[in-house]
Amino acid sequence: MPEIAAWREAFTRMGLKPTQYRCASEALLRRYRKDKSLPSFHPLVDHLNHVSMAYAIPIAVFDVAHVDTGITVRPATGAESYETFQGDIENPAPGEVVFGDAAGHAHSRRWTFRQSARSAVSKSSESALIVAEAHHASAAGDLTAMEAELKTGLAALGVTLGSSALLSESHRLFEF
C-alpha cells in the first residue's frame, strides 16, 4: 500500500525500524487483520479508527482542553513531558518527532506511533482537534476525500465541526 510504504520510509529516515514502530493506520490494519475486530474506546475515536483504516492514513484526535496554544509536529527538544496510558511520564529524546504544544507537552511519540494519555478524548471531552497526515504521491487528493467522508460521518454522530486546514512543511502550526 503506497500510504503505508510512505510512512515506513519516513520512519526509516527518522532512524526507526518501520516494522518495530508503525504508523497508527498500519497498526490498526494489522490489529484488525489479526483479531477481525477493534476494541471500542469512544464513538468519535471508533469512527476515526475506521476511516483511518479505510484510507490507510493515520488520524490523531486530541482533546483541546489538554493542549496548550496550538500543536506543532516538530523534533522534540528533550524537555517535553509525555504521559503514557499507564500514568508514567516520559521525555522524548531530542530530535524525536512529536506533536508538541507551547507548554512543553508531547502529545505523541515517534510522530504517529503513540498518543499521550494527557490529550486523549474521553467522555468529558467537549472539543477535539483531528489531524490526518499522509506522504504518498496521491496524499492531497486522498486527504480531501477523507475530509469529506469525515464531515459526513461526524455529522451523523452529532459532532459539530469547526475549521479545517491543510498543513504543509512550510505551514505546520494549526492554532485554535
C-alpha atoms as a PDB file:
ATOM      1  CA  MET A   1       0.000   0.000   0.000  1.00  0.00           C
ATOM      2  CA  PRO A   2       1.588   3.325  -1.018  1.00  0.00           C
ATOM      3  CA  GLU A   3       0.138   5.075   2.051  1.00  0.00           C
ATOM      4  CA  ILE A   4       1.890   2.659   4.428  1.00  0.00           C
ATOM      5  CA  ALA A   5       5.072   2.482   2.326  1.00  0.00           C
ATOM      6  CA  ALA A   6       5.449   6.273   2.571  1.00  0.00           C
ATOM      7  CA  TRP A   7       5.156   6.141   6.368  1.00  0.00           C
ATOM      8  CA  ARG A   8       7.644   3.268   6.562  1.00  0.00           C
ATOM      9  CA  GLU A   9      10.079   5.379   4.528  1.00  0.00           C
ATOM     10  CA  ALA A  10       9.503   8.363   6.848  1.00  0.00           C
ATOM     11  CA  PHE A  11      10.126   6.209   9.928  1.00  0.00           C
ATOM     12  CA  THR A  12      13.293   4.793   8.311  1.00  0.00           C
ATOM     13  CA  ARG A  13      14.556   8.336   7.634  1.00  0.00           C
ATOM     14  CA  MET A  14      13.979   9.120  11.317  1.00  0.00           C
ATOM     15  CA  GLY A  15      16.269   6.197  12.197  1.00  0.00           C
ATOM     16  CA  LEU A  16      13.428   3.951  13.396  1.00  0.00           C
ATOM     17  CA  LYS A  17      12.780   0.373  12.361  1.00  0.00           C
ATOM     18  CA  PRO A  18       9.494   0.678  10.450  1.00  0.00           C
ATOM     19  CA  THR A  19       8.366  -2.803  11.485  1.00  0.00           C
ATOM     20  CA  GLN A  20       9.031  -2.034  15.155  1.00  0.00           C
ATOM     21  CA  TYR A  21       7.391   1.401  15.124  1.00  0.00           C
ATOM     22  CA  ARG A  22       4.391   1.509  12.804  1.00  0.00           C
ATOM     23  CA  CYS A  23       2.225   4.471  11.942  1.00  0.00           C
ATOM     24  CA  ALA A  24      -1.194   4.392  13.581  1.00  0.00           C
ATOM     25  CA  SER A  25      -3.106   3.332  10.465  1.00  0.00           C
ATOM     26  CA  GLU A  26      -0.788   0.389   9.809  1.00  0.00           C
ATOM     27  CA  ALA A  27      -1.078  -0.694  13.444  1.00  0.00           C
ATOM     28  CA  LEU A  28      -4.889  -0.557  13.203  1.00  0.00           C
ATOM     29  CA  LEU A  29      -4.920  -2.528   9.950  1.00  0.00           C
ATOM     30  CA  ARG A  30      -2.606  -5.198  11.374  1.00  0.00           C
ATOM     31  CA  ARG A  31      -4.684  -5.492  14.539  1.00  0.00           C
ATOM     32  CA  TYR A  32      -7.922  -5.744  12.573  1.00  0.00           C
ATOM     33  CA  ARG A  33      -6.449  -8.354  10.224  1.00  0.00           C
ATOM     34  CA  LYS A  34      -5.345 -10.435  13.213  1.00  0.00           C
ATOM     35  CA  ASP A  35      -8.387 -10.029  15.509  1.00  0.00           C
ATOM     36  CA  LYS A  36     -11.134  -9.244  12.934  1.00  0.00           C
ATOM     37  CA  SER A  37     -12.351  -6.501  15.292  1.00  0.00           C
ATOM     38  CA  LEU A  38     -11.172  -3.449  17.195  1.00  0.00           C
ATOM     39  CA  PRO A  39     -11.918  -2.517  20.799  1.00  0.00           C
ATOM     40  CA  SER A  40     -14.355   0.329  21.342  1.00  0.00           C
ATOM     41  CA  PHE A  41     -12.892   3.425  23.013  1.00  0.00           C
ATOM     42  CA  HIS A  42     -15.217   6.359  22.343  1.00  0.00           C
ATOM     43  CA  PRO A  43     -17.704   6.904  19.464  1.00  0.00           C
ATOM     44  CA  LEU A  44     -15.517   9.629  17.920  1.00  0.00           C
ATOM     45  CA  VAL A  45     -12.310   7.597  18.228  1.00  0.00           C
ATOM     46  CA  ASP A  46     -14.029   4.464  16.924  1.00  0.00           C
ATOM     47  CA  HIS A  47     -15.276   6.322  13.829  1.00  0.00           C
ATOM     48  CA  LEU A  48     -11.870   7.880  13.185  1.00  0.00           C
ATOM     49  CA  ASN A  49     -10.193   4.474  13.513  1.00  0.00           C
ATOM     50  CA  HIS A  50     -12.496   3.024  10.847  1.00  0.00           C
ATOM     51  CA  VAL A  51     -11.865   5.930   8.460  1.00  0.00           C
ATOM     52  CA  SER A  52      -8.125   5.683   9.137  1.00  0.00           C
ATOM     53  CA  MET A  53      -8.186   2.012   8.146  1.00  0.00           C
ATOM     54  CA  ALA A  54     -10.298   2.707   5.051  1.00  0.00           C
ATOM     55  CA  TYR A  55      -7.746   5.221   3.750  1.00  0.00           C
ATOM     56  CA  ALA A  56      -4.625   3.681   5.381  1.00  0.00           C
ATOM     57  CA  ILE A  57      -3.840   7.193   6.645  1.00  0.00           C
ATOM     58  CA  PRO A  58      -3.148   7.860  10.347  1.00  0.00           C
ATOM     59  CA  ILE A  59      -5.654  10.059  12.149  1.00  0.00           C
ATOM     60  CA  ALA A  60      -4.917  11.557  15.549  1.00  0.00           C
ATOM     61  CA  VAL A  61      -7.516  13.165  17.782  1.00  0.00           C
ATOM     62  CA  PHE A  62      -6.653  15.403  20.725  1.00  0.00           C
ATOM     63  CA  ASP A  63      -8.872  16.806  23.495  1.00  0.00           C
ATOM     64  CA  VAL A  64      -8.065  20.507  23.080  1.00  0.00           C
ATOM     65  CA  ALA A  65      -8.783  21.220  26.758  1.00  0.00           C
ATOM     66  CA  HIS A  66      -5.450  19.477  27.432  1.00  0.00           C
ATOM     67  CA  VAL A  67      -3.398  21.104  24.652  1.00  0.00           C
ATOM     68  CA  ASP A  68      -1.774  24.494  25.218  1.00  0.00           C
ATOM     69  CA  THR A  69      -1.971  27.151  22.464  1.00  0.00           C
ATOM     70  CA  GLY A  70      -1.806  25.009  19.373  1.00  0.00           C
ATOM     71  CA  ILE A  71       0.097  21.927  18.412  1.00  0.00           C
ATOM     72  CA  THR A  72       3.101  21.537  16.127  1.00  0.00           C
ATOM     73  CA  VAL A  73       4.630  18.468  14.522  1.00  0.00           C
ATOM     74  CA  ARG A  74       8.308  19.017  15.287  1.00  0.00           C
ATOM     75  CA  PRO A  75      11.506  17.477  16.622  1.00  0.00           C
ATOM     76  CA  ALA A  76      11.489  17.202  20.416  1.00  0.00           C
ATOM     77  CA  THR A  77      13.940  19.252  22.451  1.00  0.00           C
ATOM     78  CA  GLY A  78      14.176  16.507  25.071  1.00  0.00           C
ATOM     79  CA  ALA A  79      12.458  18.625  27.726  1.00  0.00           C
ATOM     80  CA  GLU A  80       8.873  17.735  26.731  1.00  0.00           C
ATOM     81  CA  SER A  81       6.770  15.547  29.003  1.00  0.00           C
ATOM     82  CA  TYR A  82       4.761  12.669  27.579  1.00  0.00           C
ATOM     83  CA  GLU A  83       2.135  10.858  29.662  1.00  0.00           C
ATOM     84  CA  THR A  84       1.651   7.147  28.980  1.00  0.00           C
ATOM     85  CA  PHE A  85      -1.700   5.413  29.398  1.00  0.00           C
ATOM     86  CA  GLN A  86      -0.191   3.667  32.428  1.00  0.00           C
ATOM     87  CA  GLY A  87       0.373   7.074  34.079  1.00  0.00           C
ATOM     88  CA  ASP A  88       4.149   7.217  33.628  1.00  0.00           C
ATOM     89  CA  ILE A  89       5.862  10.405  32.437  1.00  0.00           C
ATOM     90  CA  GLU A  90       8.491  10.070  29.715  1.00  0.00           C
ATOM     91  CA  ASN A  91      10.723  12.577  27.961  1.00  0.00           C
ATOM     92  CA  PRO A  92      11.106  12.037  24.217  1.00  0.00           C
ATOM     93  CA  ALA A  93      14.733  12.136  23.110  1.00  0.00           C
ATOM     94  CA  PRO A  94      15.966  15.296  21.382  1.00  0.00           C
ATOM     95  CA  GLY A  95      15.132  15.053  17.689  1.00  0.00           C
ATOM     96  CA  GLU A  96      12.283  12.554  18.083  1.00  0.00           C
ATOM     97  CA  VAL A  97       9.294  13.800  16.061  1.00  0.00           C
ATOM     98  CA  VAL A  98       6.359  14.682  18.324  1.00  0.00           C
ATOM     99  CA  PHE A  99       3.114  16.612  18.351  1.00  0.00           C
ATOM    100  CA  GLY A 100       4.221  19.329  20.787  1.00  0.00           C
ATOM    101  CA  ASP A 101       2.488  22.270  22.411  1.00  0.00           C
ATOM    102  CA  ALA A 102       3.743  25.564  23.842  1.00  0.00           C
ATOM    103  CA  ALA A 103       3.654  24.265  27.443  1.00  0.00           C
ATOM    104  CA  GLY A 104       6.209  21.542  26.699  1.00  0.00           C
ATOM    105  CA  HIS A 105       3.850  18.599  26.396  1.00  0.00           C
ATOM    106  CA  ALA A 106       4.465  15.906  23.811  1.00  0.00           C
ATOM    107  CA  HIS A 107       1.073  14.625  22.689  1.00  0.00           C
ATOM    108  CA  SER A 108       2.599  11.806  20.637  1.00  0.00           C
ATOM    109  CA  ARG A 109       5.715   9.663  20.485  1.00  0.00           C
ATOM    110  CA  ARG A 110       7.571   8.865  17.282  1.00  0.00           C
ATOM    111  CA  TRP A 111       5.243  11.081  15.223  1.00  0.00           C
ATOM    112  CA  THR A 112       2.189   8.892  14.615  1.00  0.00           C
ATOM    113  CA  PHE A 113       3.236   5.868  16.658  1.00  0.00           C
ATOM    114  CA  ARG A 114       1.723   6.520  20.092  1.00  0.00           C
ATOM    115  CA  GLN A 115      -0.615   9.187  21.540  1.00  0.00           C
ATOM    116  CA  SER A 116      -0.319  10.676  25.021  1.00  0.00           C
ATOM    117  CA  ALA A 117      -2.935   9.923  27.646  1.00  0.00           C
ATOM    118  CA  ARG A 118      -2.858  13.626  28.545  1.00  0.00           C
ATOM    119  CA  SER A 119      -4.856  14.680  25.487  1.00  0.00           C
ATOM    120  CA  ALA A 120      -6.834  11.514  24.748  1.00  0.00           C
ATOM    121  CA  VAL A 121     -10.532  12.020  24.034  1.00  0.00           C
ATOM    122  CA  SER A 122     -12.825  10.884  26.854  1.00  0.00           C
ATOM    123  CA  LYS A 123     -16.483  11.087  27.872  1.00  0.00           C
ATOM    124  CA  SER A 124     -15.825  14.552  29.307  1.00  0.00           C
ATOM    125  CA  SER A 125     -14.250  15.918  26.097  1.00  0.00           C
ATOM    126  CA  GLU A 126     -16.082  18.891  24.617  1.00  0.00           C
ATOM    127  CA  SER A 127     -13.756  19.934  21.793  1.00  0.00           C
ATOM    128  CA  ALA A 128     -11.224  17.961  19.788  1.00  0.00           C
ATOM    129  CA  LEU A 129      -8.544  18.530  17.187  1.00  0.00           C
ATOM    130  CA  ILE A 130      -8.444  15.884  14.447  1.00  0.00           C
ATOM    131  CA  VAL A 131      -5.209  15.511  12.485  1.00  0.00           C
ATOM    132  CA  ALA A 132      -4.668  13.306   9.434  1.00  0.00           C
ATOM    133  CA  GLU A 133      -1.248  13.119   7.768  1.00  0.00           C
ATOM    134  CA  ALA A 134      -0.085  11.462   4.589  1.00  0.00           C
ATOM    135  CA  HIS A 135       3.083  11.466   2.474  1.00  0.00           C
ATOM    136  CA  HIS A 136       2.327   9.266  -0.540  1.00  0.00           C
ATOM    137  CA  ALA A 137       2.020  10.573  -4.115  1.00  0.00           C
ATOM    138  CA  SER A 138      -1.780  10.951  -4.072  1.00  0.00           C
ATOM    139  CA  ALA A 139      -1.915  12.254  -0.474  1.00  0.00           C
ATOM    140  CA  ALA A 140      -3.518  15.633  -1.242  1.00  0.00           C
ATOM    141  CA  GLY A 141      -6.445  14.055  -3.091  1.00  0.00           C
ATOM    142  CA  ASP A 142      -6.824  11.273  -0.540  1.00  0.00           C
ATOM    143  CA  LEU A 143      -6.850  13.760   2.346  1.00  0.00           C
ATOM    144  CA  THR A 144      -9.526  15.831   0.588  1.00  0.00           C
ATOM    145  CA  ALA A 145     -11.684  12.725   0.084  1.00  0.00           C
ATOM    146  CA  MET A 146     -11.047  11.660   3.682  1.00  0.00           C
ATOM    147  CA  GLU A 147     -12.085  15.095   4.960  1.00  0.00           C
ATOM    148  CA  ALA A 148     -15.366  14.880   3.043  1.00  0.00           C
ATOM    149  CA  GLU A 149     -16.054  11.416   4.470  1.00  0.00           C
ATOM    150  CA  LEU A 150     -15.186  12.596   7.971  1.00  0.00           C
ATOM    151  CA  LYS A 151     -17.528  15.588   7.715  1.00  0.00           C
ATOM    152  CA  THR A 152     -20.417  13.344   6.686  1.00  0.00           C
ATOM    153  CA  GLY A 153     -19.704  10.646   9.273  1.00  0.00           C
ATOM    154  CA  LEU A 154     -19.060  13.014  12.141  1.00  0.00           C
ATOM    155  CA  ALA A 155     -22.229  14.977  11.407  1.00  0.00           C
ATOM    156  CA  ALA A 156     -24.135  11.684  11.640  1.00  0.00           C
ATOM    157  CA  LEU A 157     -22.590  11.218  15.116  1.00  0.00           C
ATOM    158  CA  GLY A 158     -23.814  14.673  16.122  1.00  0.00           C
ATOM    159  CA  VAL A 159     -20.335  16.187  16.101  1.00  0.00           C
ATOM    160  CA  THR A 160     -20.222  19.865  15.176  1.00  0.00           C
ATOM    161  CA  LEU A 161     -17.194  20.624  13.038  1.00  0.00           C
ATOM    162  CA  GLY A 162     -15.204  23.831  13.275  1.00  0.00           C
ATOM    163  CA  SER A 163     -12.470  24.848  10.884  1.00  0.00           C
ATOM    164  CA  SER A 164     -10.020  22.756   8.920  1.00  0.00           C
ATOM    165  CA  ALA A 165      -6.669  23.446   7.283  1.00  0.00           C
ATOM    166  CA  LEU A 166      -4.232  21.642   5.052  1.00  0.00           C
ATOM    167  CA  LEU A 167      -0.812  21.931   6.650  1.00  0.00           C
ATOM    168  CA  SER A 168       2.479  21.615   4.812  1.00  0.00           C
ATOM    169  CA  GLU A 169       6.179  21.651   5.544  1.00  0.00           C
ATOM    170  CA  SER A 170       6.167  25.440   5.345  1.00  0.00           C
ATOM    171  CA  HIS A 171       2.886  25.841   7.300  1.00  0.00           C
ATOM    172  CA  ARG A 172       2.994  23.400  10.243  1.00  0.00           C
ATOM    173  CA  LEU A 173       1.050  25.107  13.052  1.00  0.00           C
ATOM    174  CA  PHE A 174      -2.715  24.855  13.378  1.00  0.00           C
ATOM    175  CA  GLU A 175      -3.861  27.325  16.027  1.00  0.00           C
ATOM    176  CA  PHE A 176      -7.176  27.050  17.821  1.00  0.00           C
END
